[in-house]
Amino acid sequence: THGALKVDPARLEKVLQEMVNLSPRGS
């Protein structure tokens, strides 16, 4: 997030992967 302090990037990584299935079939 290029230094943005609004969210923790590590937590954002976890949340995004929970929201969307990033397997080829999932995408």
PDB file of all heavy atoms in Angstrom:
ATOM      1  N   THR A   1       0.819  -1.212   0.000  1.00  0.00           N
ATOM      2  CA  THR A   1       0.000   0.000   0.000  1.00  0.00           C
ATOM      3  C   THR A   1       0.854   1.263   0.000  1.00  0.00           C
ATOM      4  O   THR A   1       0.368   2.354   0.270  1.00  0.00           O
ATOM      5  CB  THR A   1      -0.961   0.008   1.197  1.00  0.00           C
ATOM      6  OG1 THR A   1      -0.213  -0.151   2.412  1.00  0.00           O
ATOM      7  CG2 THR A   1      -1.983  -1.119   1.072  1.00  0.00           C
ATOM      8  N   HIS A   2       2.135   1.108  -0.307  1.00  0.00           N
ATOM      9  CA  HIS A   2       3.052   2.229  -0.539  1.00  0.00           C
ATOM     10  C   HIS A   2       3.058   3.231   0.616  1.00  0.00           C
ATOM     11  O   HIS A   2       2.981   4.451   0.415  1.00  0.00           O
ATOM     12  CB  HIS A   2       2.712   2.914  -1.862  1.00  0.00           C
ATOM     13  CG  HIS A   2       2.815   1.991  -3.036  1.00  0.00           C
ATOM     14  ND1 HIS A   2       3.974   1.792  -3.744  1.00  0.00           N
ATOM     15  CD2 HIS A   2       1.892   1.158  -3.600  1.00  0.00           C
ATOM     16  CE1 HIS A   2       3.776   0.897  -4.701  1.00  0.00           C
ATOM     17  NE2 HIS A   2       2.519   0.492  -4.631  1.00  0.00           N
ATOM     18  N   GLY A   3       3.147   2.698   1.825  1.00  0.00           N
ATOM     19  CA  GLY A   3       3.301   3.552   2.991  1.00  0.00           C
ATOM     20  C   GLY A   3       2.012   4.042   3.608  1.00  0.00           C
ATOM     21  O   GLY A   3       2.045   4.768   4.615  1.00  0.00           O
ATOM     22  N   ALA A   4       0.862   3.677   3.043  1.00  0.00           N
ATOM     23  CA  ALA A   4      -0.405   4.105   3.634  1.00  0.00           C
ATOM     24  C   ALA A   4      -0.543   3.530   5.043  1.00  0.00           C
ATOM     25  O   ALA A   4      -0.274   2.348   5.271  1.00  0.00           O
ATOM     26  CB  ALA A   4      -1.577   3.653   2.772  1.00  0.00           C
ATOM     27  N   LEU A   5      -0.967   4.368   5.965  1.00  0.00           N
ATOM     28  CA  LEU A   5      -1.068   3.960   7.359  1.00  0.00           C
ATOM     29  C   LEU A   5      -2.489   3.584   7.761  1.00  0.00           C
ATOM     30  O   LEU A   5      -2.762   3.320   8.925  1.00  0.00           O
ATOM     31  CB  LEU A   5      -0.554   5.091   8.258  1.00  0.00           C
ATOM     32  CG  LEU A   5       0.896   5.527   8.013  1.00  0.00           C
ATOM     33  CD1 LEU A   5       1.257   6.691   8.931  1.00  0.00           C
ATOM     34  CD2 LEU A   5       1.865   4.371   8.212  1.00  0.00           C
ATOM     35  N   LYS A   6      -3.417   3.549   6.785  1.00  0.00           N
ATOM     36  CA  LYS A   6      -4.820   3.297   7.110  1.00  0.00           C
ATOM     37  C   LYS A   6      -5.065   1.851   7.527  1.00  0.00           C
ATOM     38  O   LYS A   6      -5.945   1.571   8.340  1.00  0.00           O
ATOM     39  CB  LYS A   6      -5.705   3.649   5.916  1.00  0.00           C
ATOM     40  CG  LYS A   6      -5.614   5.113   5.503  1.00  0.00           C
ATOM     41  CD  LYS A   6      -6.442   5.396   4.254  1.00  0.00           C
ATOM     42  CE  LYS A   6      -6.307   6.835   3.806  1.00  0.00           C
ATOM     43  NZ  LYS A   6      -7.085   7.118   2.580  1.00  0.00           N
ATOM     44  N   VAL A   7      -4.316   0.917   6.934  1.00  0.00           N
ATOM     45  CA  VAL A   7      -4.516  -0.505   7.231  1.00  0.00           C
ATOM     46  C   VAL A   7      -3.166  -1.203   7.294  1.00  0.00           C
ATOM     47  O   VAL A   7      -2.176  -0.741   6.717  1.00  0.00           O
ATOM     48  CB  VAL A   7      -5.397  -1.197   6.160  1.00  0.00           C
ATOM     49  CG1 VAL A   7      -6.797  -0.610   6.139  1.00  0.00           C
ATOM     50  CG2 VAL A   7      -4.758  -1.099   4.782  1.00  0.00           C
ATOM     51  N   ASP A   8      -3.141  -2.332   7.984  1.00  0.00           N
ATOM     52  CA  ASP A   8      -1.955  -3.179   8.042  1.00  0.00           C
ATOM     53  C   ASP A   8      -1.917  -4.046   6.782  1.00  0.00           C
ATOM     54  O   ASP A   8      -2.841  -4.836   6.554  1.00  0.00           O
ATOM     55  CB  ASP A   8      -2.021  -4.051   9.292  1.00  0.00           C
ATOM     56  CG  ASP A   8      -0.889  -5.067   9.356  1.00  0.00           C
ATOM     57  OD1 ASP A   8       0.127  -4.869   8.660  1.00  0.00           O
ATOM     58  OD2 ASP A   8      -1.034  -6.065  10.080  1.00  0.00           O
ATOM     59  N   PRO A   9      -0.871  -3.923   5.945  1.00  0.00           N
ATOM     60  CA  PRO A   9      -0.830  -4.711   4.700  1.00  0.00           C
ATOM     61  C   PRO A   9      -0.923  -6.217   4.932  1.00  0.00           C
ATOM     62  O   PRO A   9      -1.544  -6.924   4.140  1.00  0.00           O
ATOM     63  CB  PRO A   9       0.518  -4.323   4.083  1.00  0.00           C
ATOM     64  CG  PRO A   9       0.809  -2.962   4.633  1.00  0.00           C
ATOM     65  CD  PRO A   9       0.260  -2.975   6.030  1.00  0.00           C
ATOM     66  N   ALA A  10      -0.313  -6.694   6.021  1.00  0.00           N
ATOM     67  CA  ALA A  10      -0.376  -8.140   6.293  1.00  0.00           C
ATOM     68  C   ALA A  10      -1.813  -8.580   6.563  1.00  0.00           C
ATOM     69  O   ALA A  10      -2.252  -9.638   6.091  1.00  0.00           O
ATOM     70  CB  ALA A  10       0.517  -8.481   7.477  1.00  0.00           C
ATOM     71  N   ARG A  11      -2.542  -7.782   7.303  1.00  0.00           N
ATOM     72  CA  ARG A  11      -3.954  -8.109   7.549  1.00  0.00           C
ATOM     73  C   ARG A  11      -4.751  -7.997   6.256  1.00  0.00           C
ATOM     74  O   ARG A  11      -5.646  -8.815   5.989  1.00  0.00           O
ATOM     75  CB  ARG A  11      -4.530  -7.181   8.611  1.00  0.00           C
ATOM     76  CG  ARG A  11      -5.976  -7.542   8.965  1.00  0.00           C
ATOM     77  CD  ARG A  11      -6.582  -6.580   9.947  1.00  0.00           C
ATOM     78  NE  ARG A  11      -8.020  -6.820  10.072  1.00  0.00           N
ATOM     79  CZ  ARG A  11      -8.906  -5.892  10.392  1.00  0.00           C
ATOM     80  NH1 ARG A  11      -8.516  -4.637  10.624  1.00  0.00           N
ATOM     81  NH2 ARG A  11     -10.184  -6.190  10.469  1.00  0.00           N
ATOM     82  N   LEU A  12      -4.437  -6.994   5.445  1.00  0.00           N
ATOM     83  CA  LEU A  12      -5.136  -6.818   4.170  1.00  0.00           C
ATOM     84  C   LEU A  12      -4.919  -8.027   3.261  1.00  0.00           C
ATOM     85  O   LEU A  12      -5.849  -8.486   2.588  1.00  0.00           O
ATOM     86  CB  LEU A  12      -4.655  -5.533   3.488  1.00  0.00           C
ATOM     87  CG  LEU A  12      -5.325  -5.146   2.175  1.00  0.00           C
ATOM     88  CD1 LEU A  12      -6.838  -5.015   2.318  1.00  0.00           C
ATOM     89  CD2 LEU A  12      -4.730  -3.825   1.651  1.00  0.00           C
ATOM     90  N   GLU A  13      -3.690  -8.556   3.248  1.00  0.00           N
ATOM     91  CA  GLU A  13      -3.421  -9.774   2.472  1.00  0.00           C
ATOM     92  C   GLU A  13      -4.338 -10.908   2.901  1.00  0.00           C
ATOM     93  O   GLU A  13      -4.910 -11.621   2.062  1.00  0.00           O
ATOM     94  CB  GLU A  13      -1.959 -10.192   2.644  1.00  0.00           C
ATOM     95  CG  GLU A  13      -0.959  -9.282   1.949  1.00  0.00           C
ATOM     96  CD  GLU A  13       0.478  -9.633   2.262  1.00  0.00           C
ATOM     97  OE1 GLU A  13       0.706 -10.515   3.112  1.00  0.00           O
ATOM     98  OE2 GLU A  13       1.369  -9.017   1.663  1.00  0.00           O
ATOM     99  N   LYS A  14      -4.479 -11.082   4.205  1.00  0.00           N
ATOM    100  CA  LYS A  14      -5.312 -12.164   4.738  1.00  0.00           C
ATOM    101  C   LYS A  14      -6.782 -11.958   4.361  1.00  0.00           C
ATOM    102  O   LYS A  14      -7.456 -12.893   3.902  1.00  0.00           O
ATOM    103  CB  LYS A  14      -5.151 -12.234   6.257  1.00  0.00           C
ATOM    104  CG  LYS A  14      -5.947 -13.345   6.944  1.00  0.00           C
ATOM    105  CD  LYS A  14      -5.617 -13.391   8.424  1.00  0.00           C
ATOM    106  CE  LYS A  14      -6.339 -14.537   9.114  1.00  0.00           C
ATOM    107  NZ  LYS A  14      -7.805 -14.338   9.136  1.00  0.00           N
ATOM    108  N   VAL A  15      -7.268 -10.725   4.517  1.00  0.00           N
ATOM    109  CA  VAL A  15      -8.677 -10.436   4.238  1.00  0.00           C
ATOM    110  C   VAL A  15      -8.997 -10.635   2.759  1.00  0.00           C
ATOM    111  O   VAL A  15     -10.022 -11.242   2.407  1.00  0.00           O
ATOM    112  CB  VAL A  15      -9.023  -8.998   4.680  1.00  0.00           C
ATOM    113  CG1 VAL A  15     -10.376  -8.564   4.133  1.00  0.00           C
ATOM    114  CG2 VAL A  15      -8.996  -8.892   6.200  1.00  0.00           C
ATOM    115  N   LEU A  16      -8.146 -10.163   1.882  1.00  0.00           N
ATOM    116  CA  LEU A  16      -8.409 -10.282   0.442  1.00  0.00           C
ATOM    117  C   LEU A  16      -8.466 -11.741   0.013  1.00  0.00           C
ATOM    118  O   LEU A  16      -9.318 -12.136  -0.799  1.00  0.00           O
ATOM    119  CB  LEU A  16      -7.345  -9.533  -0.355  1.00  0.00           C
ATOM    120  CG  LEU A  16      -7.391  -8.006  -0.270  1.00  0.00           C
ATOM    121  CD1 LEU A  16      -6.184  -7.394  -0.975  1.00  0.00           C
ATOM    122  CD2 LEU A  16      -8.681  -7.451  -0.883  1.00  0.00           C
ATOM    123  N   GLN A  17      -7.579 -12.563   0.550  1.00  0.00           N
ATOM    124  CA  GLN A  17      -7.582 -13.981   0.183  1.00  0.00           C
ATOM    125  C   GLN A  17      -8.801 -14.713   0.751  1.00  0.00           C
ATOM    126  O   GLN A  17      -9.221 -15.725   0.190  1.00  0.00           O
ATOM    127  CB  GLN A  17      -6.295 -14.644   0.666  1.00  0.00           C
ATOM    128  CG  GLN A  17      -5.071 -14.162  -0.099  1.00  0.00           C
ATOM    129  CD  GLN A  17      -3.801 -14.834   0.376  1.00  0.00           C
ATOM    130  OE1 GLN A  17      -3.409 -15.894  -0.118  1.00  0.00           O
ATOM    131  NE2 GLN A  17      -3.155 -14.225   1.355  1.00  0.00           N
ATOM    132  N   GLU A  18      -9.354 -14.193   1.842  1.00  0.00           N
ATOM    133  CA  GLU A  18     -10.589 -14.771   2.367  1.00  0.00           C
ATOM    134  C   GLU A  18     -11.800 -14.355   1.539  1.00  0.00           C
ATOM    135  O   GLU A  18     -12.774 -15.106   1.410  1.00  0.00           O
ATOM    136  CB  GLU A  18     -10.779 -14.345   3.826  1.00  0.00           C
ATOM    137  CG  GLU A  18      -9.775 -14.981   4.782  1.00  0.00           C
ATOM    138  CD  GLU A  18      -9.838 -14.377   6.180  1.00  0.00           C
ATOM    139  OE1 GLU A  18     -10.510 -13.327   6.330  1.00  0.00           O
ATOM    140  OE2 GLU A  18      -9.224 -14.952   7.094  1.00  0.00           O
ATOM    141  N   MET A  19     -11.741 -13.163   0.948  1.00  0.00           N
ATOM    142  CA  MET A  19     -12.871 -12.657   0.168  1.00  0.00           C
ATOM    143  C   MET A  19     -12.966 -13.284  -1.210  1.00  0.00           C
ATOM    144  O   MET A  19     -14.063 -13.500  -1.736  1.00  0.00           O
ATOM    145  CB  MET A  19     -12.761 -11.133   0.018  1.00  0.00           C
ATOM    146  CG  MET A  19     -13.099 -10.351   1.260  1.00  0.00           C
ATOM    147  SD  MET A  19     -13.074  -8.569   0.917  1.00  0.00           S
ATOM    148  CE  MET A  19     -13.700  -7.954   2.493  1.00  0.00           C
ATOM    149  N   VAL A  20     -11.822 -13.569  -1.816  1.00  0.00           N
ATOM    150  CA  VAL A  20     -11.799 -14.048  -3.199  1.00  0.00           C
ATOM    151  C   VAL A  20     -10.921 -15.287  -3.295  1.00  0.00           C
ATOM    152  O   VAL A  20      -9.789 -15.307  -2.809  1.00  0.00           O
ATOM    153  CB  VAL A  20     -11.269 -12.954  -4.158  1.00  0.00           C
ATOM    154  CG1 VAL A  20     -11.199 -13.497  -5.584  1.00  0.00           C
ATOM    155  CG2 VAL A  20     -12.149 -11.722  -4.103  1.00  0.00           C
ATOM    156  N   ASN A  21     -11.444 -16.324  -3.931  1.00  0.00           N
ATOM    157  CA  ASN A  21     -10.692 -17.537  -4.216  1.00  0.00           C
ATOM    158  C   ASN A  21      -9.760 -17.250  -5.392  1.00  0.00           C
ATOM    159  O   ASN A  21     -10.213 -17.038  -6.521  1.00  0.00           O
ATOM    160  CB  ASN A  21     -11.660 -18.674  -4.558  1.00  0.00           C
ATOM    161  CG  ASN A  21     -10.951 -19.962  -4.924  1.00  0.00           C
ATOM    162  OD1 ASN A  21      -9.730 -20.026  -5.012  1.00  0.00           O
ATOM    163  ND2 ASN A  21     -11.734 -21.003  -5.161  1.00  0.00           N
ATOM    164  N   LEU A  22      -8.458 -17.254  -5.147  1.00  0.00           N
ATOM    165  CA  LEU A  22      -7.485 -16.867  -6.161  1.00  0.00           C
ATOM    166  C   LEU A  22      -6.891 -18.063  -6.907  1.00  0.00           C
ATOM    167  O   LEU A  22      -5.867 -17.933  -7.569  1.00  0.00           O
ATOM    168  CB  LEU A  22      -6.378 -16.017  -5.530  1.00  0.00           C
ATOM    169  CG  LEU A  22      -6.854 -14.639  -5.060  1.00  0.00           C
ATOM    170  CD1 LEU A  22      -5.778 -13.931  -4.252  1.00  0.00           C
ATOM    171  CD2 LEU A  22      -7.275 -13.785  -6.250  1.00  0.00           C
ATOM    172  N   SER A  23      -7.536 -19.210  -6.815  1.00  0.00           N
ATOM    173  CA  SER A  23      -7.152 -20.312  -7.702  1.00  0.00           C
ATOM    174  C   SER A  23      -7.547 -19.940  -9.130  1.00  0.00           C
ATOM    175  O   SER A  23      -8.373 -19.047  -9.337  1.00  0.00           O
ATOM    176  CB  SER A  23      -7.872 -21.595  -7.297  1.00  0.00           C
ATOM    177  OG  SER A  23      -9.269 -21.491  -7.568  1.00  0.00           O
ATOM    178  N   PRO A  24      -6.974 -20.590 -10.145  1.00  0.00           N
ATOM    179  CA  PRO A  24      -7.387 -20.287 -11.515  1.00  0.00           C
ATOM    180  C   PRO A  24      -8.899 -20.418 -11.713  1.00  0.00           C
ATOM    181  O   PRO A  24      -9.527 -19.561 -12.338  1.00  0.00           O
ATOM    182  CB  PRO A  24      -6.617 -21.318 -12.345  1.00  0.00           C
ATOM    183  CG  PRO A  24      -5.381 -21.581 -11.543  1.00  0.00           C
ATOM    184  CD  PRO A  24      -5.832 -21.532 -10.107  1.00  0.00           C
ATOM    185  N   ARG A  25      -9.486 -21.472 -11.175  1.00  0.00           N
ATOM    186  CA  ARG A  25     -10.929 -21.635 -11.290  1.00  0.00           C
ATOM    187  C   ARG A  25     -11.659 -20.532 -10.520  1.00  0.00           C
ATOM    188  O   ARG A  25     -12.665 -19.992 -10.983  1.00  0.00           O
ATOM    189  CB  ARG A  25     -11.368 -23.001 -10.763  1.00  0.00           C
ATOM    190  CG  ARG A  25     -12.860 -23.270 -10.985  1.00  0.00           C
ATOM    191  CD  ARG A  25     -13.337 -24.439 -10.131  1.00  0.00           C
ATOM    192  NE  ARG A  25     -12.655 -25.673 -10.455  1.00  0.00           N
ATOM    193  CZ  ARG A  25     -13.022 -26.502 -11.417  1.00  0.00           C
ATOM    194  NH1 ARG A  25     -14.067 -26.204 -12.180  1.00  0.00           N
ATOM    195  NH2 ARG A  25     -12.351 -27.625 -11.635  1.00  0.00           N
ATOM    196  N   GLY A  26     -11.147 -20.188  -9.338  1.00  0.00           N
ATOM    197  CA  GLY A  26     -11.784 -19.152  -8.538  1.00  0.00           C
ATOM    198  C   GLY A  26     -11.799 -17.807  -9.231  1.00  0.00           C
ATOM    199  O   GLY A  26     -12.824 -17.101  -9.229  1.00  0.00           O
ATOM    200  N   SER A  27     -10.676 -17.420  -9.833  1.00  0.00           N
ATOM    201  CA  SER A  27     -10.612 -16.142 -10.552  1.00  0.00           C
ATOM    202  C   SER A  27     -11.544 -16.150 -11.754  1.00  0.00           C
ATOM    203  O   SER A  27     -12.263 -15.173 -12.005  1.00  0.00           O
ATOM    204  CB  SER A  27      -9.175 -15.868 -11.012  1.00  0.00           C
ATOM    205  OG  SER A  27      -8.318 -15.680  -9.902  1.00  0.00           O
TER     206      SER A  27
END
